[in-house]
Amino acid sequence: MIRTIAIILLALSTGGAGYFGWTQKKSSTAATAQVAELTEKVEEADKKIEAAAEELAASKELLPPLMTKVQELDAVKAAFSTGVVLKDLEAAYAKEKKGLSPERQLGLAGVRLLTNGTKDPATVEAFQKALEMTDWKAQQKVICAAQNALAAAGQKVKVMSECLPEGAEAKKDSHGAPAGKADAHAAPAGKDAHGKDAHGKDAQKDSHGTASTHAAHWEYQGAMGPENWGKEFPTCGRGKSQAPLNIKGPFEKVRFNVAPDYKQGQLKVVNNGHTIQVNVPGGSKIRIDGKPFDLVQFHFHRPSEEHIDGKPSAMVIHFVHKNAEGELAVLGVMLREGNENPGIKTLWTHAPKSEGPEVVPDGVMFNPANLLPREMDFFHYDGSLTTPPCTEKVKFYILKTQVNVSKEQMAEFPFKMNARPIQPANGRPIYTN
């Protein structure tokens, strides 16, 4: 009996010792794995510390030049802090009869910034005015300087990708497109659609051009439709001489004429996402009261943007001109539904059905005069671009005689509606010859 009990105890002792050994081995294996994992994390942390140390060393090398720049800026701000230079500049510019150029307006805003800082409302207003005065295609430096200054002042403004510091990412618009990219209303050219020089990359012209190449996204309907253009383009909302207008009497008489002298040239047509636009080679002109303007491009709106006595026409062609002084003149030809238009037939044959680059069909020539009526009597008013940024001081000459476009040709136009609504006249006279 005692022997049996001893055997049982020995067996229990042996089993217990085996279980204890197994559990210890398991714990040791887990501990080894944890040590390996911790070792890997420590090595990774060492690499990050090493990289951070390298970046810190590089930053230290950049610090002295930056400190020099800060000292220079402080010295400049101190020089302007008395406000004497600002007062002198304001007094000098007040004598400018023709008004300030965008560059001078930007310079004035810069002096305000150095004198009063970014919290000064007049500083913010001065930069906003410089931005509004710029045609959005002509002077990239003006736009970049104004946009970056407004951003620094805490104003809500989209900064073009070309204006962002190197390495910074551009914000995207509601359609996911970078804010600094060409918007849908762009068409290749070195000038904007109303003839102003494009800035930056060879951008497409917008239908009324201003170069929307770097403008924020906009549409004819929806969240960024005409009623909301003023949110991104202040002049569209606050301007007092906006186009288009409802043309109705009483009219004031003028004694001058408009005389087109358009030439045949290589056809260049583009669907820029907002209209069909034809970019015109050099040589075509119009004389307004004897003063020459170069034809830059023409494009189409459906229905007509201008109304006559409250009624739109089926479509309108806007011929966009620019003179040597940079003044813009738009000749409008209203299209009524009727017989097929041979000139438009040629254009529609080669115009892209969807947005894309400029098309230059080999050997196809076109004369814009093919789209004009014989009679050149007109209505005239002072207006603006009818697309963002709605820049003002644009002369409109809307011909009284309309030309035909067939119902089928209207149906072939890729845009069902691309016309800005009628704008308030705000007491502007409408003239007739």
Protein backbone atom coordinates (compact mmCIF):
# COMPACT_ATOMS: atom_id res chain seq x y z
CA MET A 1 0.00 0.00 0.00
CA ILE A 2 2.78 2.40 0.93
CA ARG A 3 4.58 1.48 -2.28
CA THR A 4 1.51 2.26 -4.33
CA ILE A 5 1.08 5.65 -2.69
CA ALA A 6 4.75 6.43 -3.32
CA ILE A 7 4.38 5.60 -7.00
CA ILE A 8 1.33 7.85 -7.30
CA LEU A 9 3.12 10.76 -5.60
CA LEU A 10 6.14 10.29 -7.83
CA ALA A 11 3.93 10.39 -10.92
CA LEU A 12 2.20 13.55 -9.76
CA SER A 13 5.54 15.18 -9.02
CA THR A 14 6.89 14.27 -12.45
CA GLY A 15 3.75 15.61 -14.21
CA GLY A 16 3.83 18.84 -12.23
CA ALA A 17 7.48 19.36 -13.04
CA GLY A 18 6.73 18.81 -16.77
CA TYR A 19 3.83 21.26 -16.77
CA PHE A 20 5.92 23.86 -14.95
CA GLY A 21 8.69 23.46 -17.53
CA TRP A 22 6.21 23.79 -20.42
CA THR A 23 4.70 27.00 -19.02
CA GLN A 24 8.13 28.50 -18.46
CA LYS A 25 9.16 27.69 -22.02
CA LYS A 26 5.98 29.31 -23.37
CA SER A 27 6.57 32.45 -21.32
CA SER A 28 10.17 32.58 -22.51
CA THR A 29 9.08 32.35 -26.17
CA ALA A 30 6.56 35.19 -25.73
CA ALA A 31 9.15 37.32 -23.97
CA THR A 32 11.60 36.71 -26.81
CA ALA A 33 9.02 37.86 -29.35
CA GLN A 34 8.30 41.00 -27.33
CA VAL A 35 11.99 41.77 -27.08
CA ALA A 36 12.37 41.37 -30.86
CA GLU A 37 9.39 43.68 -31.49
CA LEU A 38 10.73 46.29 -29.07
CA THR A 39 14.14 46.07 -30.67
CA GLU A 40 12.62 46.74 -34.10
CA LYS A 41 10.70 49.75 -32.75
CA VAL A 42 13.83 51.10 -31.10
CA GLU A 43 15.75 50.77 -34.39
CA GLU A 44 12.94 52.55 -36.25
CA ALA A 45 12.92 55.30 -33.64
CA ASP A 46 16.68 55.66 -33.98
CA LYS A 47 16.29 56.14 -37.75
CA LYS A 48 13.62 58.81 -37.23
CA ILE A 49 15.84 60.56 -34.68
CA GLU A 50 18.70 60.47 -37.13
CA ALA A 51 16.52 61.89 -39.93
CA ALA A 52 15.20 64.59 -37.61
CA ALA A 53 18.74 65.47 -36.63
CA GLU A 54 19.67 65.84 -40.31
CA GLU A 55 16.63 68.08 -40.95
CA LEU A 56 17.48 70.15 -37.88
CA ALA A 57 21.04 70.59 -39.10
CA ALA A 58 19.75 71.68 -42.52
CA SER A 59 17.29 74.09 -40.87
CA LYS A 60 20.08 75.63 -38.83
CA GLU A 61 21.91 76.38 -42.08
CA LEU A 62 18.81 78.18 -43.42
CA LEU A 63 18.20 80.11 -40.23
CA PRO A 64 20.83 82.87 -40.66
CA PRO A 65 19.54 83.96 -44.12
CA LEU A 66 15.98 83.93 -42.79
CA MET A 67 16.96 86.03 -39.80
CA THR A 68 18.60 88.48 -42.20
CA LYS A 69 15.36 88.71 -44.20
CA VAL A 70 13.39 89.31 -41.00
CA GLN A 71 15.76 92.10 -40.00
CA GLU A 72 15.48 93.65 -43.46
CA LEU A 73 11.68 93.52 -43.29
CA ASP A 74 11.66 95.05 -39.82
CA ALA A 75 13.88 97.85 -41.08
CA VAL A 76 11.56 98.51 -44.05
CA LYS A 77 8.46 98.49 -41.82
CA ALA A 78 10.18 100.91 -39.44
CA ALA A 79 10.95 103.23 -42.35
CA PHE A 80 7.28 103.31 -43.35
CA SER A 81 5.82 103.32 -39.84
CA THR A 82 5.46 107.12 -39.62
CA GLY A 83 2.91 107.07 -42.42
CA VAL A 84 4.52 110.01 -44.24
CA VAL A 85 5.40 107.95 -47.32
CA LEU A 86 1.86 106.55 -47.46
CA LYS A 87 0.35 110.03 -47.31
CA ASP A 88 2.70 111.31 -49.99
CA LEU A 89 1.92 108.34 -52.26
CA GLU A 90 -1.83 108.74 -51.77
CA ALA A 91 -1.58 112.43 -52.59
CA ALA A 92 0.45 111.74 -55.72
CA TYR A 93 -1.88 109.02 -56.96
CA ALA A 94 -4.94 111.18 -56.27
CA LYS A 95 -3.79 113.37 -59.17
CA GLU A 96 -3.97 110.47 -61.64
CA LYS A 97 -6.86 111.37 -63.92
CA LYS A 98 -7.03 107.97 -65.62
CA GLY A 99 -7.04 106.08 -62.35
CA LEU A 100 -4.40 103.70 -61.06
CA SER A 101 -3.00 100.74 -62.93
CA PRO A 102 -3.11 97.36 -61.16
CA GLU A 103 0.64 97.63 -60.50
CA ARG A 104 0.31 101.03 -58.84
CA GLN A 105 -2.71 99.89 -56.86
CA LEU A 106 -0.69 96.89 -55.67
CA GLY A 107 2.22 99.18 -54.73
CA LEU A 108 -0.12 101.42 -52.75
CA ALA A 109 -1.52 98.36 -50.99
CA GLY A 110 2.02 97.22 -50.19
CA VAL A 111 2.87 100.57 -48.59
CA ARG A 112 -0.35 100.33 -46.56
CA LEU A 113 0.68 96.86 -45.43
CA LEU A 114 4.11 98.06 -44.29
CA THR A 115 2.62 101.12 -42.62
CA ASN A 116 -0.48 99.75 -40.93
CA GLY A 117 -0.09 95.95 -40.97
CA THR A 118 -2.47 93.19 -42.03
CA LYS A 119 -5.15 94.03 -39.46
CA ASP A 120 -5.88 97.38 -41.09
CA PRO A 121 -9.17 97.16 -43.07
CA ALA A 122 -7.86 99.71 -45.58
CA THR A 123 -4.90 97.43 -46.29
CA VAL A 124 -7.18 94.48 -46.99
CA GLU A 125 -9.43 96.65 -49.16
CA ALA A 126 -6.45 97.96 -51.13
CA PHE A 127 -5.22 94.45 -51.96
CA GLN A 128 -8.76 93.34 -52.86
CA LYS A 129 -9.05 96.30 -55.22
CA ALA A 130 -5.72 95.41 -56.84
CA LEU A 131 -6.99 91.88 -57.32
CA GLU A 132 -10.26 93.06 -58.86
CA MET A 133 -8.48 95.49 -61.20
CA THR A 134 -6.28 92.74 -62.59
CA ASP A 135 -7.59 90.92 -65.65
CA TRP A 136 -6.65 87.52 -64.18
CA LYS A 137 -4.56 86.62 -67.15
CA ALA A 138 -2.23 89.46 -67.67
CA GLN A 139 -0.08 89.88 -64.63
CA GLN A 140 0.65 86.79 -62.57
CA LYS A 141 2.89 88.70 -60.19
CA VAL A 142 0.12 91.16 -59.35
CA ILE A 143 -2.35 88.38 -58.67
CA CYS A 144 0.08 86.31 -56.61
CA ALA A 145 1.15 89.27 -54.49
CA ALA A 146 -2.46 90.33 -53.81
CA GLN A 147 -3.70 86.80 -53.10
CA ASN A 148 -0.84 85.97 -50.73
CA ALA A 149 -1.25 89.28 -48.91
CA LEU A 150 -4.98 88.68 -48.42
CA ALA A 151 -4.27 85.13 -47.21
CA ALA A 152 -1.72 86.48 -44.74
CA ALA A 153 -4.35 88.93 -43.50
CA GLY A 154 -6.65 86.03 -42.69
CA GLN A 155 -9.05 86.74 -45.54
CA LYS A 156 -10.84 83.83 -47.21
CA VAL A 157 -9.17 83.68 -50.60
CA LYS A 158 -8.06 80.85 -52.87
CA VAL A 159 -4.40 81.17 -53.75
CA MET A 160 -3.45 79.96 -57.22
CA SER A 161 -1.12 76.99 -57.39
CA GLU A 162 1.45 79.12 -59.21
CA CYS A 163 1.42 81.53 -56.27
CA LEU A 164 1.90 78.95 -53.52
CA PRO A 165 5.29 78.53 -51.83
CA GLU A 166 7.32 75.65 -53.21
CA GLY A 167 6.17 72.36 -51.74
CA ALA A 168 2.79 73.67 -50.63
CA GLU A 169 -0.33 71.93 -51.92
CA ALA A 170 -3.08 73.81 -53.67
CA LYS A 171 -6.59 73.55 -52.25
CA LYS A 172 -9.04 71.78 -54.47
CA ASP A 173 -12.32 73.18 -55.62
CA SER A 174 -15.69 71.52 -55.12
CA HIS A 175 -15.11 69.35 -58.17
CA GLY A 176 -11.76 68.14 -56.92
CA ALA A 177 -9.74 70.20 -59.36
CA PRO A 178 -6.81 72.20 -58.02
CA ALA A 179 -7.82 75.80 -57.54
CA GLY A 180 -4.82 76.98 -59.48
CA LYS A 181 -5.58 74.97 -62.60
CA ALA A 182 -7.37 76.30 -65.61
CA ASP A 183 -11.08 76.30 -65.10
CA ALA A 184 -13.43 74.84 -67.64
CA HIS A 185 -13.87 78.15 -69.39
CA ALA A 186 -10.36 78.23 -70.71
CA ALA A 187 -9.06 77.99 -74.23
CA PRO A 188 -5.44 77.86 -75.34
CA ALA A 189 -3.90 81.19 -76.11
CA GLY A 190 -1.45 83.73 -74.89
CA LYS A 191 -4.28 86.19 -74.37
CA ASP A 192 -7.51 86.03 -72.49
CA ALA A 193 -10.77 85.76 -74.32
CA HIS A 194 -11.29 89.43 -74.25
CA GLY A 195 -7.82 89.89 -75.50
CA LYS A 196 -5.88 90.52 -72.33
CA ASP A 197 -2.51 88.84 -72.11
CA ALA A 198 -2.52 85.56 -70.25
CA HIS A 199 -0.11 85.00 -67.43
CA GLY A 200 1.78 82.00 -66.33
CA LYS A 201 1.45 79.00 -68.58
CA ASP A 202 -0.06 79.36 -72.02
CA ALA A 203 -3.56 79.34 -70.74
CA GLN A 204 -6.81 78.94 -72.51
CA LYS A 205 -8.99 81.97 -72.95
CA ASP A 206 -12.30 82.09 -71.27
CA SER A 207 -15.29 83.00 -73.33
CA HIS A 208 -15.31 86.54 -72.15
CA GLY A 209 -12.11 86.27 -71.15
CA THR A 210 -10.49 86.83 -68.59
CA ALA A 211 -8.32 84.29 -68.30
CA SER A 212 -9.89 81.89 -66.16
CA THR A 213 -6.77 79.95 -66.31
CA HIS A 214 -6.13 80.47 -62.67
CA ALA A 215 -9.54 81.36 -61.47
CA ALA A 216 -11.71 79.36 -59.12
CA HIS A 217 -14.31 77.00 -60.56
CA TRP A 218 -17.64 78.47 -61.73
CA GLU A 219 -20.68 77.33 -63.66
CA TYR A 220 -23.91 78.61 -65.19
CA GLN A 221 -26.04 76.55 -62.79
CA GLY A 222 -25.76 75.00 -59.35
CA ALA A 223 -23.67 75.95 -56.34
CA MET A 224 -21.29 78.08 -58.42
CA GLY A 225 -23.92 79.51 -60.76
CA PRO A 226 -24.15 83.26 -61.60
CA GLU A 227 -25.97 84.14 -58.38
CA ASN A 228 -22.95 82.90 -56.41
CA TRP A 229 -20.09 84.18 -58.61
CA GLY A 230 -19.61 87.11 -56.25
CA LYS A 231 -18.43 84.75 -53.51
CA GLU A 232 -15.25 83.96 -55.43
CA PHE A 233 -15.13 86.96 -57.77
CA PRO A 234 -16.09 90.14 -55.85
CA THR A 235 -16.66 92.34 -58.90
CA CYS A 236 -19.36 89.94 -60.14
CA GLY A 237 -21.35 90.71 -57.02
CA ARG A 238 -20.45 94.31 -56.26
CA GLY A 239 -19.81 95.82 -59.70
CA LYS A 240 -22.09 98.65 -60.80
CA SER A 241 -21.52 98.34 -64.57
CA GLN A 242 -22.11 94.65 -65.12
CA ALA A 243 -23.20 92.99 -68.35
CA PRO A 244 -25.40 91.85 -70.02
CA LEU A 245 -28.23 94.39 -70.12
CA ASN A 246 -31.82 94.45 -71.30
CA ILE A 247 -31.66 96.92 -74.20
CA LYS A 248 -34.68 99.20 -74.16
CA GLY A 249 -35.41 102.89 -74.72
CA PRO A 250 -35.19 105.75 -74.32
CA PHE A 251 -31.87 105.82 -76.18
CA GLU A 252 -29.21 108.49 -76.50
CA LYS A 253 -27.84 109.22 -79.96
CA VAL A 254 -24.22 108.87 -81.07
CA ARG A 255 -22.81 109.93 -84.44
CA PHE A 256 -20.00 107.42 -84.96
CA ASN A 257 -20.04 104.03 -86.71
CA VAL A 258 -18.44 100.62 -86.27
CA ALA A 259 -16.70 99.22 -89.35
CA PRO A 260 -15.39 95.61 -89.27
CA ASP A 261 -12.47 94.62 -91.47
CA TYR A 262 -12.17 90.89 -90.85
CA LYS A 263 -9.75 88.65 -92.78
CA GLN A 264 -9.76 84.99 -93.69
CA GLY A 265 -7.37 82.87 -91.65
CA GLN A 266 -6.65 79.40 -90.31
CA LEU A 267 -9.59 78.07 -88.30
CA LYS A 268 -8.78 77.51 -84.62
CA VAL A 269 -11.73 76.31 -82.55
CA VAL A 270 -12.03 75.07 -78.98
CA ASN A 271 -14.69 73.71 -76.63
CA ASN A 272 -13.50 75.20 -73.35
CA GLY A 273 -16.19 73.70 -71.15
CA HIS A 274 -18.37 76.83 -71.20
CA THR A 275 -18.75 77.68 -74.88
CA ILE A 276 -17.51 77.11 -78.42
CA GLN A 277 -14.79 79.68 -79.07
CA VAL A 278 -12.86 80.54 -82.24
CA ASN A 279 -9.41 82.04 -81.70
CA VAL A 280 -8.67 84.47 -84.52
CA PRO A 281 -5.24 84.92 -86.17
CA GLY A 282 -3.86 88.45 -86.38
CA GLY A 283 -5.03 90.81 -89.09
CA SER A 284 -8.77 91.13 -88.44
CA LYS A 285 -9.81 94.51 -87.05
CA ILE A 286 -12.78 96.72 -86.34
CA ARG A 287 -12.83 100.52 -86.31
CA ILE A 288 -15.02 102.19 -83.72
CA ASP A 289 -15.34 105.92 -84.33
CA GLY A 290 -12.18 105.54 -86.41
CA LYS A 291 -10.21 103.88 -83.61
CA PRO A 292 -8.81 100.42 -84.51
CA PHE A 293 -9.35 97.33 -82.35
CA ASP A 294 -7.88 93.89 -83.09
CA LEU A 295 -10.27 90.92 -83.19
CA VAL A 296 -8.97 88.37 -80.70
CA GLN A 297 -11.69 85.72 -80.66
CA PHE A 298 -15.42 85.13 -80.87
CA HIS A 299 -17.70 82.75 -79.01
CA PHE A 300 -21.35 81.78 -78.60
CA HIS A 301 -24.00 82.05 -75.88
CA ARG A 302 -27.35 80.26 -75.78
CA PRO A 303 -29.77 81.97 -75.42
CA SER A 304 -28.51 85.47 -76.16
CA GLU A 305 -27.12 87.21 -73.10
CA GLU A 306 -28.46 90.62 -74.13
CA HIS A 307 -32.22 91.04 -74.35
CA ILE A 308 -34.06 93.46 -76.63
CA ASP A 309 -37.14 94.95 -74.95
CA GLY A 310 -37.09 92.14 -72.42
CA LYS A 311 -36.79 89.26 -74.90
CA PRO A 312 -33.69 87.14 -75.62
CA SER A 313 -32.77 85.82 -79.05
CA ALA A 314 -32.00 82.19 -79.78
CA MET A 315 -28.23 82.75 -79.46
CA VAL A 316 -25.62 85.52 -79.67
CA ILE A 317 -22.07 85.71 -81.01
CA HIS A 318 -19.68 87.91 -79.07
CA PHE A 319 -16.73 89.17 -81.14
CA VAL A 320 -14.04 90.25 -78.68
CA HIS A 321 -11.60 93.04 -79.61
CA LYS A 322 -8.70 94.81 -77.93
CA ASN A 323 -6.85 97.98 -78.87
CA ALA A 324 -3.28 99.12 -78.26
CA GLU A 325 -4.26 100.73 -74.94
CA GLY A 326 -5.75 97.47 -73.67
CA GLU A 327 -9.36 98.66 -73.99
CA LEU A 328 -11.90 95.94 -74.76
CA ALA A 329 -14.80 96.15 -77.21
CA VAL A 330 -17.38 93.42 -77.82
CA LEU A 331 -19.46 93.32 -80.99
CA GLY A 332 -22.62 91.29 -80.43
CA VAL A 333 -24.51 89.59 -83.28
CA MET A 334 -27.89 88.21 -82.26
CA LEU A 335 -28.98 84.92 -83.84
CA ARG A 336 -32.65 84.17 -84.53
CA GLU A 337 -34.13 80.80 -85.43
CA GLY A 338 -34.47 80.47 -89.18
CA ASN A 339 -32.57 79.03 -92.14
CA GLU A 340 -29.30 77.16 -91.82
CA ASN A 341 -26.27 79.40 -91.35
CA PRO A 342 -23.40 78.33 -93.70
CA GLY A 343 -20.70 79.90 -91.52
CA ILE A 344 -21.92 78.16 -88.39
CA LYS A 345 -22.15 74.91 -90.34
CA THR A 346 -18.42 75.13 -91.02
CA LEU A 347 -17.65 75.85 -87.38
CA TRP A 348 -19.86 73.09 -86.00
CA THR A 349 -18.26 70.59 -88.40
CA HIS A 350 -14.90 71.05 -86.68
CA ALA A 351 -15.89 72.14 -83.15
CA PRO A 352 -15.29 69.49 -80.46
CA LYS A 353 -18.43 68.14 -78.81
CA SER A 354 -16.77 67.99 -75.41
CA GLU A 355 -14.21 70.06 -73.52
CA GLY A 356 -10.65 69.74 -74.74
CA PRO A 357 -7.68 71.44 -76.40
CA GLU A 358 -7.84 73.82 -79.34
CA VAL A 359 -8.52 72.10 -82.69
CA VAL A 360 -6.71 73.38 -85.79
CA PRO A 361 -8.13 71.46 -88.78
CA ASP A 362 -5.55 71.19 -91.54
CA GLY A 363 -6.19 73.58 -94.42
CA VAL A 364 -9.56 74.87 -93.14
CA MET A 365 -9.81 78.65 -93.51
CA PHE A 366 -12.53 80.87 -92.09
CA ASN A 367 -13.49 84.53 -92.31
CA PRO A 368 -15.40 85.90 -89.27
CA ALA A 369 -17.13 88.33 -91.62
CA ASN A 370 -19.24 85.37 -92.80
CA LEU A 371 -21.19 85.66 -89.54
CA LEU A 372 -21.99 89.38 -89.79
CA PRO A 373 -25.16 91.00 -91.19
CA ARG A 374 -24.89 93.65 -93.91
CA GLU A 375 -26.27 96.44 -91.77
CA MET A 376 -24.08 97.63 -88.89
CA ASP A 377 -26.50 99.81 -86.90
CA PHE A 378 -25.99 99.13 -83.19
CA PHE A 379 -26.98 99.64 -79.60
CA HIS A 380 -24.09 100.60 -77.31
CA TYR A 381 -23.53 100.45 -73.55
CA ASP A 382 -20.67 100.27 -71.04
CA GLY A 383 -20.47 96.89 -69.36
CA SER A 384 -18.20 94.14 -68.12
CA LEU A 385 -17.00 90.67 -68.89
CA THR A 386 -20.06 88.43 -68.68
CA THR A 387 -17.99 85.64 -67.14
CA PRO A 388 -15.85 85.73 -63.98
CA PRO A 389 -14.05 87.80 -62.84
CA CYS A 390 -16.60 90.21 -64.43
CA THR A 391 -14.02 92.97 -65.00
CA GLU A 392 -15.68 96.25 -65.96
CA LYS A 393 -14.91 99.01 -68.54
CA VAL A 394 -15.84 96.79 -71.50
CA LYS A 395 -17.62 98.53 -74.43
CA PHE A 396 -20.54 96.60 -75.95
CA TYR A 397 -21.93 97.18 -79.45
CA ILE A 398 -24.98 95.01 -80.13
CA LEU A 399 -26.06 94.99 -83.77
CA LYS A 400 -29.73 95.67 -84.44
CA THR A 401 -29.87 93.31 -87.44
CA GLN A 402 -29.98 89.63 -86.55
CA VAL A 403 -28.75 86.66 -88.60
CA ASN A 404 -30.24 83.19 -88.92
CA VAL A 405 -29.35 79.95 -87.20
CA SER A 406 -31.37 76.81 -87.82
CA LYS A 407 -33.11 74.82 -85.13
CA GLU A 408 -30.88 71.86 -85.96
CA GLN A 409 -27.75 73.98 -85.58
CA MET A 410 -28.93 75.20 -82.20
CA ALA A 411 -29.45 71.58 -81.15
CA GLU A 412 -25.88 70.77 -82.21
CA PHE A 413 -24.45 73.46 -79.91
CA PRO A 414 -23.02 71.46 -76.96
CA PHE A 415 -24.43 73.80 -74.29
CA LYS A 416 -28.14 74.00 -73.56
CA MET A 417 -27.70 77.19 -71.54
CA ASN A 418 -24.57 79.30 -71.12
CA ALA A 419 -25.87 82.84 -70.69
CA ARG A 420 -25.46 85.10 -67.67
CA PRO A 421 -28.74 86.64 -66.45
CA ILE A 422 -29.56 90.30 -67.16
CA GLN A 423 -27.78 92.69 -64.76
CA PRO A 424 -29.06 95.94 -63.18
CA ALA A 425 -28.56 99.01 -65.37
CA ASN A 426 -27.83 101.26 -62.36
CA GLY A 427 -28.70 104.35 -64.40
CA ARG A 428 -26.39 103.57 -67.32
CA PRO A 429 -27.50 105.13 -70.62
CA ILE A 430 -27.93 102.98 -73.73
CA TYR A 431 -26.89 104.60 -76.99
CA THR A 432 -27.84 104.04 -80.61
CA ASN A 433 -26.35 105.36 -83.88
